[in-house]
């Protein structure tokens, strides 16, 4: 009977959701009990520096995080693509547990499960720099008061906190995401690069929201804001030096030419130019999709062109897209 496998699969999904709900409730109770202690005790500094990275996928997030990590000396720890409004150490630890139970589960996470378990429990290892990123999240999510109240519980207390917001011009960003979809370029070959982590916003709408935050037209990021223009980061060594200075790092430019393997590397070049990242034509991707109707629909979203010009200036050839 053909329907039987689907019925069994549905039951398994329901069981999984129930387990997740029970776990979530247990974590809520556990966190509130711990929070009382954290608030009423003078906790020691865990992180000398904390950098929260926010950006849209295919904006150079992994390349820039790798570069940041290599600019900093001492104990540097980073978490890639964290889930919003949850303890990121707990999130990764649970992923590790699932991997050990099912080796077929892929992903980039480290195998140092004991370290993740300690951090998830709040037994933090002192760090010179903690770097963690969020991808494709609504910009409004970063001003959640409940999550901020639990910051020290989840991350440990930080001496200084930065919000690094990465922007790539919409034309090359949209082209890269379309190309990534064509290549099926994800760990599981199922992720849709046209989707974002919002039920109400499309990719162009979310790009516009990020642009407004970058331009200080909104102010959802409450830490020391460091805007990063990916186009300039790729082209201008002095600009990279300025970013390092803003983050109180000793600039070496180490890691700039690395091509990260996360998500399969570049949408167009994969990892073929590792060690030669500067040779990738990352500012010319849009030309491959200039006649694509999906691409044209995205760049026609109101204010996209205006905001792009404010951030990136004139991009040669883009005017032909609007003729």
Protein backbone atom coordinates (compact mmCIF):
# COMPACT_ATOMS: atom_id res chain seq x y z
CA UNK A 1 0.00 0.00 0.00
CA UNK A 2 1.64 3.23 -1.21
CA UNK A 3 0.16 5.43 1.51
CA UNK A 4 1.77 3.43 4.34
CA UNK A 5 5.31 4.87 3.97
CA UNK A 6 3.89 8.41 3.90
CA UNK A 7 1.81 7.70 7.02
CA UNK A 8 4.85 6.31 8.86
CA UNK A 9 6.94 9.28 7.74
CA UNK A 10 4.25 11.65 9.02
CA UNK A 11 4.19 9.92 12.41
CA UNK A 12 7.99 10.24 12.66
CA UNK A 13 7.82 13.95 11.87
CA UNK A 14 5.15 14.45 14.51
CA UNK A 15 7.23 12.56 17.09
CA UNK A 16 10.21 14.74 16.23
CA UNK A 17 8.15 17.93 16.71
CA UNK A 18 6.88 16.69 20.09
CA UNK A 19 10.43 15.94 21.22
CA UNK A 20 11.56 19.38 20.11
CA UNK A 21 8.65 21.01 21.98
CA UNK A 22 9.46 19.12 25.19
CA UNK A 23 13.15 20.00 24.85
CA UNK A 24 12.28 23.66 24.26
CA UNK A 25 10.13 23.78 27.41
CA UNK A 26 12.86 22.13 29.49
CA UNK A 27 15.40 24.63 28.18
CA UNK A 28 13.10 27.55 28.97
CA UNK A 29 12.76 26.43 32.59
CA UNK A 30 16.48 25.71 32.90
CA UNK A 31 17.42 29.10 31.39
CA UNK A 32 15.10 31.09 33.65
CA UNK A 33 16.48 29.39 36.76
CA UNK A 34 20.05 30.07 35.66
CA UNK A 35 19.23 33.63 34.60
CA UNK A 36 18.28 34.63 38.13
CA UNK A 37 21.76 33.64 39.27
CA UNK A 38 23.48 35.39 36.34
CA UNK A 39 21.60 38.66 36.95
CA UNK A 40 22.28 38.66 40.66
CA UNK A 41 25.97 37.81 40.49
CA UNK A 42 28.84 39.86 39.17
CA UNK A 43 30.05 37.53 36.43
CA UNK A 44 33.62 37.64 35.21
CA UNK A 45 34.39 38.72 31.65
CA UNK A 46 34.31 35.70 29.36
CA UNK A 47 34.91 37.37 25.99
CA UNK A 48 37.37 40.21 25.65
CA UNK A 49 35.72 40.93 22.32
CA UNK A 50 32.47 39.76 20.76
CA UNK A 51 31.61 40.21 17.08
CA UNK A 52 28.10 39.42 15.87
CA UNK A 53 28.09 39.13 12.07
CA UNK A 54 24.83 39.59 10.18
CA UNK A 55 24.37 39.28 6.44
CA UNK A 56 22.52 37.63 3.62
CA UNK A 57 23.82 34.37 2.18
CA UNK A 58 26.29 34.84 -0.71
CA UNK A 59 27.41 38.22 0.69
CA UNK A 60 30.90 36.97 1.53
CA UNK A 61 29.97 36.13 5.12
CA UNK A 62 32.21 33.07 5.38
CA UNK A 63 35.15 34.73 3.66
CA UNK A 64 34.97 37.76 5.95
CA UNK A 65 34.53 35.67 9.11
CA UNK A 66 37.55 33.57 8.17
CA UNK A 67 39.52 36.76 7.51
CA UNK A 68 38.43 38.23 10.87
CA UNK A 69 39.49 35.08 12.68
CA UNK A 70 42.95 35.22 11.08
CA UNK A 71 43.44 38.89 12.01
CA UNK A 72 43.10 38.13 15.69
CA UNK A 73 45.61 36.57 18.06
CA UNK A 74 44.84 34.42 21.07
CA UNK A 75 41.77 32.27 21.73
CA UNK A 76 39.38 32.95 18.84
CA UNK A 77 36.15 30.96 18.65
CA UNK A 78 33.48 31.24 15.99
CA UNK A 79 30.02 29.88 15.27
CA UNK A 80 28.71 29.94 11.72
CA UNK A 81 25.06 30.51 10.78
CA UNK A 82 23.51 30.31 14.24
CA UNK A 83 19.77 29.93 14.78
CA UNK A 84 18.09 33.09 16.00
CA UNK A 85 16.97 33.62 19.61
CA UNK A 86 18.46 30.39 20.97
CA UNK A 87 21.64 29.41 22.80
CA UNK A 88 24.04 28.83 19.86
CA UNK A 89 26.37 26.56 21.85
CA UNK A 90 23.43 24.38 22.82
CA UNK A 91 22.28 24.36 19.21
CA UNK A 92 25.63 23.08 17.94
CA UNK A 93 26.03 20.59 20.79
CA UNK A 94 22.67 19.03 19.97
CA UNK A 95 23.71 18.80 16.33
CA UNK A 96 26.83 16.94 17.41
CA UNK A 97 24.78 14.49 19.49
CA UNK A 98 22.52 13.81 16.50
CA UNK A 99 25.56 13.24 14.29
CA UNK A 100 26.93 10.61 16.63
CA UNK A 101 23.56 8.88 16.59
CA UNK A 102 23.29 9.14 12.81
CA UNK A 103 26.67 9.41 11.00
CA UNK A 104 24.90 10.10 7.70
CA UNK A 105 24.10 13.64 8.87
CA UNK A 106 26.49 16.08 7.18
CA UNK A 107 27.62 19.57 8.08
CA UNK A 108 30.66 21.66 8.91
CA UNK A 109 30.56 21.47 12.71
CA UNK A 110 33.64 20.49 14.71
CA UNK A 111 33.84 17.13 16.43
CA UNK A 112 34.98 18.63 19.74
CA UNK A 113 31.71 17.67 21.38
CA UNK A 114 32.94 18.04 24.97
CA UNK A 115 33.91 21.67 24.35
CA UNK A 116 30.46 22.42 22.93
CA UNK A 117 28.79 20.64 25.86
CA UNK A 118 30.71 22.77 28.38
CA UNK A 119 29.88 26.00 26.58
CA UNK A 120 26.21 24.99 26.24
CA UNK A 121 26.03 24.54 30.02
CA UNK A 122 27.55 27.97 30.65
CA UNK A 123 30.98 26.63 31.64
CA UNK A 124 32.62 29.11 29.28
CA UNK A 125 36.24 29.00 28.20
CA UNK A 126 37.70 32.54 28.31
CA UNK A 127 38.09 33.93 24.80
CA UNK A 128 40.05 36.78 23.30
CA UNK A 129 37.47 37.01 20.54
CA UNK A 130 34.08 35.33 20.01
CA UNK A 131 32.70 35.59 16.47
CA UNK A 132 29.29 34.28 15.47
CA UNK A 133 27.05 34.87 12.48
CA UNK A 134 23.40 34.97 11.48
CA UNK A 135 22.32 34.57 7.86
CA UNK A 136 19.11 35.63 6.14
CA UNK A 137 17.40 36.60 9.42
CA UNK A 138 14.94 39.55 9.54
CA UNK A 139 16.84 42.59 10.76
CA UNK A 140 14.09 43.28 13.30
CA UNK A 141 14.94 40.01 15.08
CA UNK A 142 18.18 41.49 16.41
CA UNK A 143 16.39 43.83 18.81
CA UNK A 144 14.55 41.07 20.68
CA UNK A 145 14.54 42.06 24.36
CA UNK A 146 14.07 38.57 25.77
CA UNK A 147 17.08 37.25 23.90
CA UNK A 148 19.18 40.27 24.90
CA UNK A 149 18.23 39.66 28.53
CA UNK A 150 19.75 36.18 28.20
CA UNK A 151 22.88 37.30 26.40
CA UNK A 152 25.32 36.67 29.24
CA UNK A 153 23.65 33.34 29.97
CA UNK A 154 24.15 32.13 26.39
CA UNK A 155 27.45 33.75 25.40
CA UNK A 156 29.11 34.81 28.64
CA UNK A 157 29.82 38.42 29.53
CA UNK A 158 31.72 40.42 26.90
CA UNK A 159 33.99 43.40 27.50
CA UNK A 160 33.08 44.97 24.15
CA UNK A 161 30.44 43.98 21.61
CA UNK A 162 30.36 44.74 17.89
CA UNK A 163 27.66 44.30 15.26
CA UNK A 164 29.25 43.76 11.85
CA UNK A 165 26.67 44.06 9.06
CA UNK A 166 27.81 42.88 5.62
CA UNK A 167 26.25 44.22 2.42
CA UNK A 168 26.87 43.04 -1.12
CA UNK A 169 25.30 44.90 -4.04
CA UNK A 170 21.91 43.40 -4.93
CA UNK A 171 22.77 42.69 -8.56
CA UNK A 172 25.69 40.36 -7.89
CA UNK A 173 24.06 38.96 -4.75
CA UNK A 174 20.85 37.95 -6.54
CA UNK A 175 22.85 36.52 -9.46
CA UNK A 176 24.99 34.43 -7.09
CA UNK A 177 21.94 33.04 -5.33
CA UNK A 178 20.25 32.16 -8.60
CA UNK A 179 23.45 30.44 -9.72
CA UNK A 180 23.75 28.55 -6.43
CA UNK A 181 20.24 27.20 -6.96
CA UNK A 182 21.11 26.08 -10.48
CA UNK A 183 24.14 24.16 -9.18
CA UNK A 184 22.26 22.65 -6.22
CA UNK A 185 25.15 24.04 -4.23
CA UNK A 186 24.42 23.19 -0.61
CA UNK A 187 25.40 20.47 1.81
CA UNK A 188 22.12 18.63 1.25
CA UNK A 189 21.38 19.86 -2.30
CA UNK A 190 17.88 20.82 -1.19
CA UNK A 191 18.13 24.34 0.24
CA UNK A 192 16.43 27.04 -1.83
CA UNK A 193 18.68 30.10 -2.11
CA UNK A 194 15.72 32.26 -3.08
CA UNK A 195 14.16 31.73 0.34
CA UNK A 196 15.05 33.67 3.47
CA UNK A 197 14.30 33.03 7.12
CA UNK A 198 11.17 35.15 7.17
CA UNK A 199 7.54 34.27 6.57
CA UNK A 200 6.64 37.78 5.42
CA UNK A 201 9.66 39.04 3.46
CA UNK A 202 11.10 38.08 0.09
CA UNK A 203 14.82 38.18 -0.65
CA UNK A 204 14.65 41.66 -2.29
CA UNK A 205 12.60 43.00 0.61
CA UNK A 206 15.07 41.62 3.14
CA UNK A 207 18.00 43.09 1.19
CA UNK A 208 16.27 46.48 1.37
CA UNK A 209 15.76 46.13 5.14
CA UNK A 210 19.46 45.33 5.58
CA UNK A 211 20.36 48.32 3.38
CA UNK A 212 18.33 50.65 5.60
CA UNK A 213 20.09 49.32 8.70
CA UNK A 214 23.48 49.67 7.00
CA UNK A 215 22.64 53.29 6.13
CA UNK A 216 21.45 53.99 9.72
CA UNK A 217 17.93 54.66 8.49
CA UNK A 218 16.93 52.05 11.10
CA UNK A 219 18.75 51.06 14.26
CA UNK A 220 17.97 47.46 15.25
CA UNK A 221 21.62 46.59 15.87
CA UNK A 222 22.39 48.06 19.28
CA UNK A 223 26.08 47.18 19.69
CA UNK A 224 28.98 49.10 18.13
CA UNK A 225 27.96 48.95 14.48
CA UNK A 226 30.64 48.23 11.87
CA UNK A 227 29.20 48.29 8.34
CA UNK A 228 31.16 46.28 5.77
CA UNK A 229 30.80 46.97 2.07
CA UNK A 230 31.70 43.59 0.53
CA UNK A 231 32.46 45.15 -2.87
CA UNK A 232 35.08 47.43 -1.29
CA UNK A 233 36.36 44.66 0.99
CA UNK A 234 37.17 42.60 -2.12
CA UNK A 235 38.92 45.41 -3.98
CA UNK A 236 40.61 47.64 -1.42
CA UNK A 237 43.35 46.52 0.97
CA UNK A 238 43.27 49.88 2.76
CA UNK A 239 39.56 49.44 3.37
CA UNK A 240 40.20 46.04 4.94
CA UNK A 241 42.82 47.66 7.15
CA UNK A 242 40.26 50.26 8.25
CA UNK A 243 37.80 47.53 9.25
CA UNK A 244 40.47 45.76 11.29
CA UNK A 245 41.27 49.05 13.02
CA UNK A 246 37.60 49.64 13.90
CA UNK A 247 37.54 46.19 15.48
CA UNK A 248 40.80 46.82 17.38
CA UNK A 249 42.64 44.10 15.46
CA UNK A 250 46.23 44.01 14.25
CA UNK A 251 45.85 44.02 10.47
CA UNK A 252 47.78 41.32 8.60
CA UNK A 253 45.28 40.57 5.79
CA UNK A 254 45.85 36.86 6.43
CA UNK A 255 43.10 34.68 4.99
CA UNK A 256 41.98 37.19 2.37
CA UNK A 257 42.67 34.83 -0.53
CA UNK A 258 41.08 31.79 1.10
CA UNK A 259 37.95 30.34 -0.52
CA UNK A 260 35.73 28.83 2.13
CA UNK A 261 34.09 25.46 1.53
CA UNK A 262 30.86 26.36 3.37
CA UNK A 263 27.93 25.94 1.00
CA UNK A 264 30.24 24.55 -1.68
CA UNK A 265 32.40 27.67 -2.03
CA UNK A 266 31.68 30.26 -4.69
CA UNK A 267 28.38 29.96 -6.60
CA UNK A 268 30.31 30.33 -9.86
CA UNK A 269 33.82 29.00 -9.14
CA UNK A 270 33.28 26.51 -6.33
CA UNK A 271 36.61 26.13 -4.49
CA UNK A 272 38.75 26.08 -7.65
CA UNK A 273 40.39 29.42 -6.84
CA UNK A 274 41.27 28.70 -3.22
CA UNK A 275 44.37 30.76 -2.48
CA UNK A 276 43.48 33.04 -5.41
CA UNK A 277 40.16 34.50 -4.24
CA UNK A 278 41.12 37.93 -5.57
CA UNK A 279 40.94 36.47 -9.10
CA UNK A 280 37.22 35.71 -8.81
CA UNK A 281 35.06 38.16 -10.76
CA UNK A 282 32.65 38.60 -7.86
CA UNK A 283 31.52 42.03 -9.08
CA UNK A 284 30.59 40.79 -12.56
CA UNK A 285 28.19 37.98 -11.68
CA UNK A 286 25.10 39.98 -12.61
CA UNK A 287 26.02 39.93 -16.32
CA UNK A 288 25.28 36.18 -16.50
CA UNK A 289 21.68 36.83 -15.49
CA UNK A 290 21.01 40.20 -17.13
CA UNK A 291 18.28 38.73 -19.35
CA UNK A 292 16.86 36.31 -16.78
CA UNK A 293 13.25 37.15 -15.93
CA UNK A 294 13.65 36.02 -12.30
CA UNK A 295 16.62 38.35 -11.90
CA UNK A 296 14.79 41.25 -13.54
CA UNK A 297 11.84 40.79 -11.20
CA UNK A 298 14.09 40.98 -8.13
CA UNK A 299 15.97 44.11 -9.16
CA UNK A 300 12.69 45.85 -10.00
CA UNK A 301 11.71 45.90 -6.33
CA UNK A 302 11.14 49.54 -5.22
CA UNK A 303 14.19 51.38 -3.81
CA UNK A 304 16.65 48.57 -4.61
CA UNK A 305 18.52 50.65 -7.16
CA UNK A 306 18.41 53.79 -5.02
CA UNK A 307 19.76 52.05 -1.91
CA UNK A 308 22.43 50.27 -3.95
CA UNK A 309 23.68 53.58 -5.33
CA UNK A 310 23.85 55.06 -1.81
CA UNK A 311 25.99 52.18 -0.56
CA UNK A 312 28.04 51.10 -3.58
CA UNK A 313 27.95 54.09 -5.88
CA UNK A 314 27.54 53.62 -9.62
CA UNK A 315 28.15 50.07 -10.82
CA UNK A 316 29.25 50.25 -14.50
CA UNK A 317 26.75 48.66 -16.86
CA UNK A 318 23.88 48.39 -14.39
CA UNK A 319 21.97 51.14 -16.19
CA UNK A 320 21.37 48.73 -19.07
CA UNK A 321 19.21 46.61 -16.79
CA UNK A 322 16.72 49.44 -16.45
CA UNK A 323 16.44 50.46 -20.10
